[in-house]
C-alpha atoms as a PDB file:
ATOM      1  CA  ASN A   1    -336.021 -67.337 -37.784  1.00  0.00           C
ATOM      2  CA  ALA A   2    -334.703 -69.672 -35.323  1.00  0.00           C
ATOM      3  CA  PHE A   3    -335.309 -73.274 -34.050  1.00  0.00           C
ATOM      4  CA  VAL A   4    -335.196 -74.930 -30.697  1.00  0.00           C
ATOM      5  CA  ALA A   5    -334.862 -78.650 -29.916  1.00  0.00           C
ATOM      6  CA  SER A   6    -334.447 -80.864 -26.958  1.00  0.00           C
ATOM      7  CA  GLN A   7    -331.516 -82.911 -26.118  1.00  0.00           C
ATOM      8  CA  VAL A   8    -333.107 -86.103 -27.616  1.00  0.00           C
ATOM      9  CA  LEU A   9    -333.705 -84.458 -30.942  1.00  0.00           C
ATOM     10  CA  ILE A  10    -330.429 -82.616 -31.486  1.00  0.00           C
ATOM     11  CA  PRO A  11    -328.432 -85.582 -32.423  1.00  0.00           C
ATOM     12  CA  GLN A  12    -331.194 -86.818 -34.876  1.00  0.00           C
ATOM     13  CA  ILE A  13    -331.573 -83.466 -36.893  1.00  0.00           C
ATOM     14  CA  PRO A  14    -328.418 -83.863 -38.877  1.00  0.00           C
ATOM     15  CA  ARG A  15    -329.415 -87.546 -39.929  1.00  0.00           C
ATOM     16  CA  LEU A  16    -332.931 -86.438 -40.845  1.00  0.00           C
ATOM     17  CA  LEU A  17    -332.624 -83.109 -42.353  1.00  0.00           C
ATOM     18  CA  GLY A  18    -328.938 -83.209 -43.652  1.00  0.00           C
ATOM     19  CA  PRO A  19    -326.463 -80.527 -43.355  1.00  0.00           C
ATOM     20  CA  GLY A  20    -328.753 -77.770 -44.773  1.00  0.00           C
ATOM     21  CA  LEU A  21    -329.629 -76.223 -41.482  1.00  0.00           C
ATOM     22  CA  ASN A  22    -325.890 -76.039 -40.419  1.00  0.00           C
ATOM     23  CA  LYS A  23    -324.924 -74.363 -43.680  1.00  0.00           C
ATOM     24  CA  ALA A  24    -327.671 -71.872 -43.409  1.00  0.00           C
ATOM     25  CA  GLY A  25    -326.785 -71.151 -39.762  1.00  0.00           C
ATOM     26  CA  LYS A  26    -329.944 -72.158 -38.575  1.00  0.00           C
ATOM     27  CA  PHE A  27    -329.169 -75.268 -36.540  1.00  0.00           C
ATOM     28  CA  PRO A  28    -331.621 -75.490 -33.504  1.00  0.00           C
ATOM     29  CA  THR A  29    -330.668 -74.269 -30.111  1.00  0.00           C
ATOM     30  CA  LEU A  30    -330.581 -76.602 -27.250  1.00  0.00           C
ATOM     31  CA  VAL A  31    -333.456 -76.343 -24.729  1.00  0.00           C
ATOM     32  CA  THR A  32    -333.442 -78.478 -21.503  1.00  0.00           C
ATOM     33  CA  GLN A  33    -336.481 -79.319 -19.481  1.00  0.00           C
ATOM     34  CA  ALA A  34    -335.304 -77.058 -16.587  1.00  0.00           C
ATOM     35  CA  GLU A  35    -335.149 -73.883 -18.648  1.00  0.00           C
ATOM     36  CA  ASN A  36    -337.978 -71.510 -19.333  1.00  0.00           C
ATOM     37  CA  LEU A  37    -339.048 -71.748 -22.944  1.00  0.00           C
ATOM     38  CA  SER A  38    -340.299 -68.279 -23.303  1.00  0.00           C
ATOM     39  CA  ALA A  39    -337.184 -66.921 -21.659  1.00  0.00           C
ATOM     40  CA  LYS A  40    -335.088 -68.866 -24.040  1.00  0.00           C
ATOM     41  CA  ILE A  41    -337.060 -67.715 -27.133  1.00  0.00           C
ATOM     42  CA  ASP A  42    -336.582 -64.206 -26.002  1.00  0.00           C
ATOM     43  CA  GLU A  43    -332.849 -64.581 -25.624  1.00  0.00           C
ATOM     44  CA  ILE A  44    -332.643 -66.133 -29.113  1.00  0.00           C
ATOM     45  CA  ARG A  45    -334.513 -63.195 -30.623  1.00  0.00           C
ATOM     46  CA  SER A  46    -332.133 -60.585 -28.979  1.00  0.00           C
ATOM     47  CA  GLN A  47    -328.966 -62.261 -30.494  1.00  0.00           C
ATOM     48  CA  VAL A  48    -327.347 -60.570 -33.385  1.00  0.00           C
ATOM     49  CA  LYS A  49    -325.239 -62.834 -35.837  1.00  0.00           C
ATOM     50  CA  PHE A  50    -322.253 -61.278 -37.864  1.00  0.00           C
ATOM     51  CA  GLN A  51    -321.409 -63.370 -40.824  1.00  0.00           C
ATOM     52  CA  LEU A  52    -317.845 -62.140 -41.550  1.00  0.00           C
ATOM     53  CA  LYS A  53    -317.123 -63.246 -45.048  1.00  0.00           C
ATOM     54  CA  LYS A  54    -314.988 -61.372 -47.772  1.00  0.00           C
ATOM     55  CA  VAL A  55    -317.509 -58.616 -48.174  1.00  0.00           C
ATOM     56  CA  LEU A  56    -316.871 -54.888 -47.772  1.00  0.00           C
ATOM     57  CA  CYS A  57    -320.467 -54.123 -46.559  1.00  0.00           C
ATOM     58  CA  MET A  58    -322.661 -55.515 -43.831  1.00  0.00           C
ATOM     59  CA  GLY A  59    -326.003 -55.052 -42.564  1.00  0.00           C
ATOM     60  CA  VAL A  60    -327.152 -56.154 -39.061  1.00  0.00           C
ATOM     61  CA  ALA A  61    -330.562 -55.643 -37.192  1.00  0.00           C
ATOM     62  CA  VAL A  62    -329.811 -54.153 -33.840  1.00  0.00           C
ATOM     63  CA  GLY A  63    -333.318 -53.207 -32.594  1.00  0.00           C
ATOM     64  CA  ASN A  64    -336.914 -53.073 -33.046  1.00  0.00           C
ATOM     65  CA  VAL A  65    -339.756 -50.302 -32.962  1.00  0.00           C
ATOM     66  CA  ASP A  66    -340.827 -51.526 -29.387  1.00  0.00           C
ATOM     67  CA  MET A  67    -337.356 -50.452 -27.924  1.00  0.00           C
ATOM     68  CA  SER A  68    -336.678 -46.998 -26.289  1.00  0.00           C
ATOM     69  CA  PRO A  69    -334.012 -44.874 -27.603  1.00  0.00           C
ATOM     70  CA  ASP A  70    -331.814 -45.686 -24.615  1.00  0.00           C
ATOM     71  CA  GLU A  71    -332.169 -49.497 -25.462  1.00  0.00           C
ATOM     72  CA  LEU A  72    -331.326 -48.910 -29.075  1.00  0.00           C
ATOM     73  CA  ARG A  73    -328.229 -46.863 -28.311  1.00  0.00           C
ATOM     74  CA  HIS A  74    -327.095 -49.559 -25.945  1.00  0.00           C
ATOM     75  CA  ASN A  75    -327.770 -52.246 -28.504  1.00  0.00           C
ATOM     76  CA  ILE A  76    -325.807 -50.205 -31.233  1.00  0.00           C
ATOM     77  CA  ILE A  77    -322.943 -49.625 -29.039  1.00  0.00           C
ATOM     78  CA  MET A  78    -322.712 -53.361 -27.926  1.00  0.00           C
ATOM     79  CA  ALA A  79    -322.847 -54.386 -31.591  1.00  0.00           C
ATOM     80  CA  ILE A  80    -320.368 -52.037 -32.876  1.00  0.00           C
ATOM     81  CA  ASN A  81    -317.736 -53.024 -29.984  1.00  0.00           C
ATOM     82  CA  PHE A  82    -318.470 -56.740 -30.538  1.00  0.00           C
ATOM     83  CA  LEU A  83    -317.823 -56.239 -34.512  1.00  0.00           C
ATOM     84  CA  THR A  84    -314.619 -54.460 -33.934  1.00  0.00           C
ATOM     85  CA  SER A  85    -313.389 -57.158 -31.529  1.00  0.00           C
ATOM     86  CA  LEU A  86    -313.918 -59.836 -34.263  1.00  0.00           C
ATOM     87  CA  LEU A  87    -311.701 -57.808 -36.870  1.00  0.00           C
ATOM     88  CA  LYS A  88    -308.147 -58.408 -36.925  1.00  0.00           C
ATOM     89  CA  LYS A  89    -307.114 -54.727 -36.803  1.00  0.00           C
ATOM     90  CA  ASN A  90    -310.076 -53.594 -34.729  1.00  0.00           C
ATOM     91  CA  TRP A  91    -311.099 -49.963 -35.738  1.00  0.00           C
ATOM     92  CA  ASN A  92    -308.614 -49.739 -38.372  1.00  0.00           C
ATOM     93  CA  ASN A  93    -310.653 -52.144 -40.518  1.00  0.00           C
ATOM     94  CA  ILE A  94    -313.852 -49.883 -40.253  1.00  0.00           C
ATOM     95  CA  LYS A  95    -314.122 -46.998 -42.841  1.00  0.00           C
ATOM     96  CA  THR A  96    -317.662 -45.785 -41.873  1.00  0.00           C
ATOM     97  CA  LEU A  97    -320.648 -47.021 -39.993  1.00  0.00           C
ATOM     98  CA  HIS A  98    -324.099 -45.955 -40.686  1.00  0.00           C
ATOM     99  CA  ILE A  99    -327.556 -46.710 -39.012  1.00  0.00           C
ATOM    100  CA  LYS A 100    -330.905 -46.733 -40.828  1.00  0.00           C
ATOM    101  CA  SER A 101    -334.314 -47.392 -39.710  1.00  0.00           C
ATOM    102  CA  THR A 102    -336.630 -49.346 -41.909  1.00  0.00           C
ATOM    103  CA  MET A 103    -338.142 -46.323 -43.591  1.00  0.00           C
ATOM    104  CA  GLY A 104    -335.815 -43.621 -42.622  1.00  0.00           C
ATOM    105  CA  LYS A 105    -332.866 -41.970 -44.136  1.00  0.00           C
ATOM    106  CA  VAL A 106    -329.287 -43.266 -43.483  1.00  0.00           C
ATOM    107  CA  GLN A 107    -327.022 -41.471 -40.765  1.00  0.00           C
ATOM    108  CA  ARG A 108    -323.393 -41.770 -40.692  1.00  0.00           C
ATOM    109  CA  ILE A 109    -322.185 -42.433 -37.094  1.00  0.00           C
ATOM    110  CA  TYR A 110    -318.467 -43.095 -37.768  1.00  0.00           C
ATOM    111  CA  GLY A 111    -316.014 -42.092 -40.527  1.00  0.00           C
END
């Protein structure tokens, strides 16, 4: 789930709804009048958020059933590279990596 809002509404949202959206990581994305709304929504849908907390395991969606195998491979590689760039010791902090489809078996890809 994601939210979009115009420049006029962004300052009013914390006052009206409180800090709940910010804490949940769902604060609306700014959309200007010049931007194409459908393109902005597609961009928001294609984003991946990594929540790096003090956990040893993480699950992230990197694709959907409409994507080709090449698109999925590209997304997986980009997500892994971005994740390793966020970590202090890069690849030294990663023990194993697995991929899994919704109904499929887990496949180990690293470690």
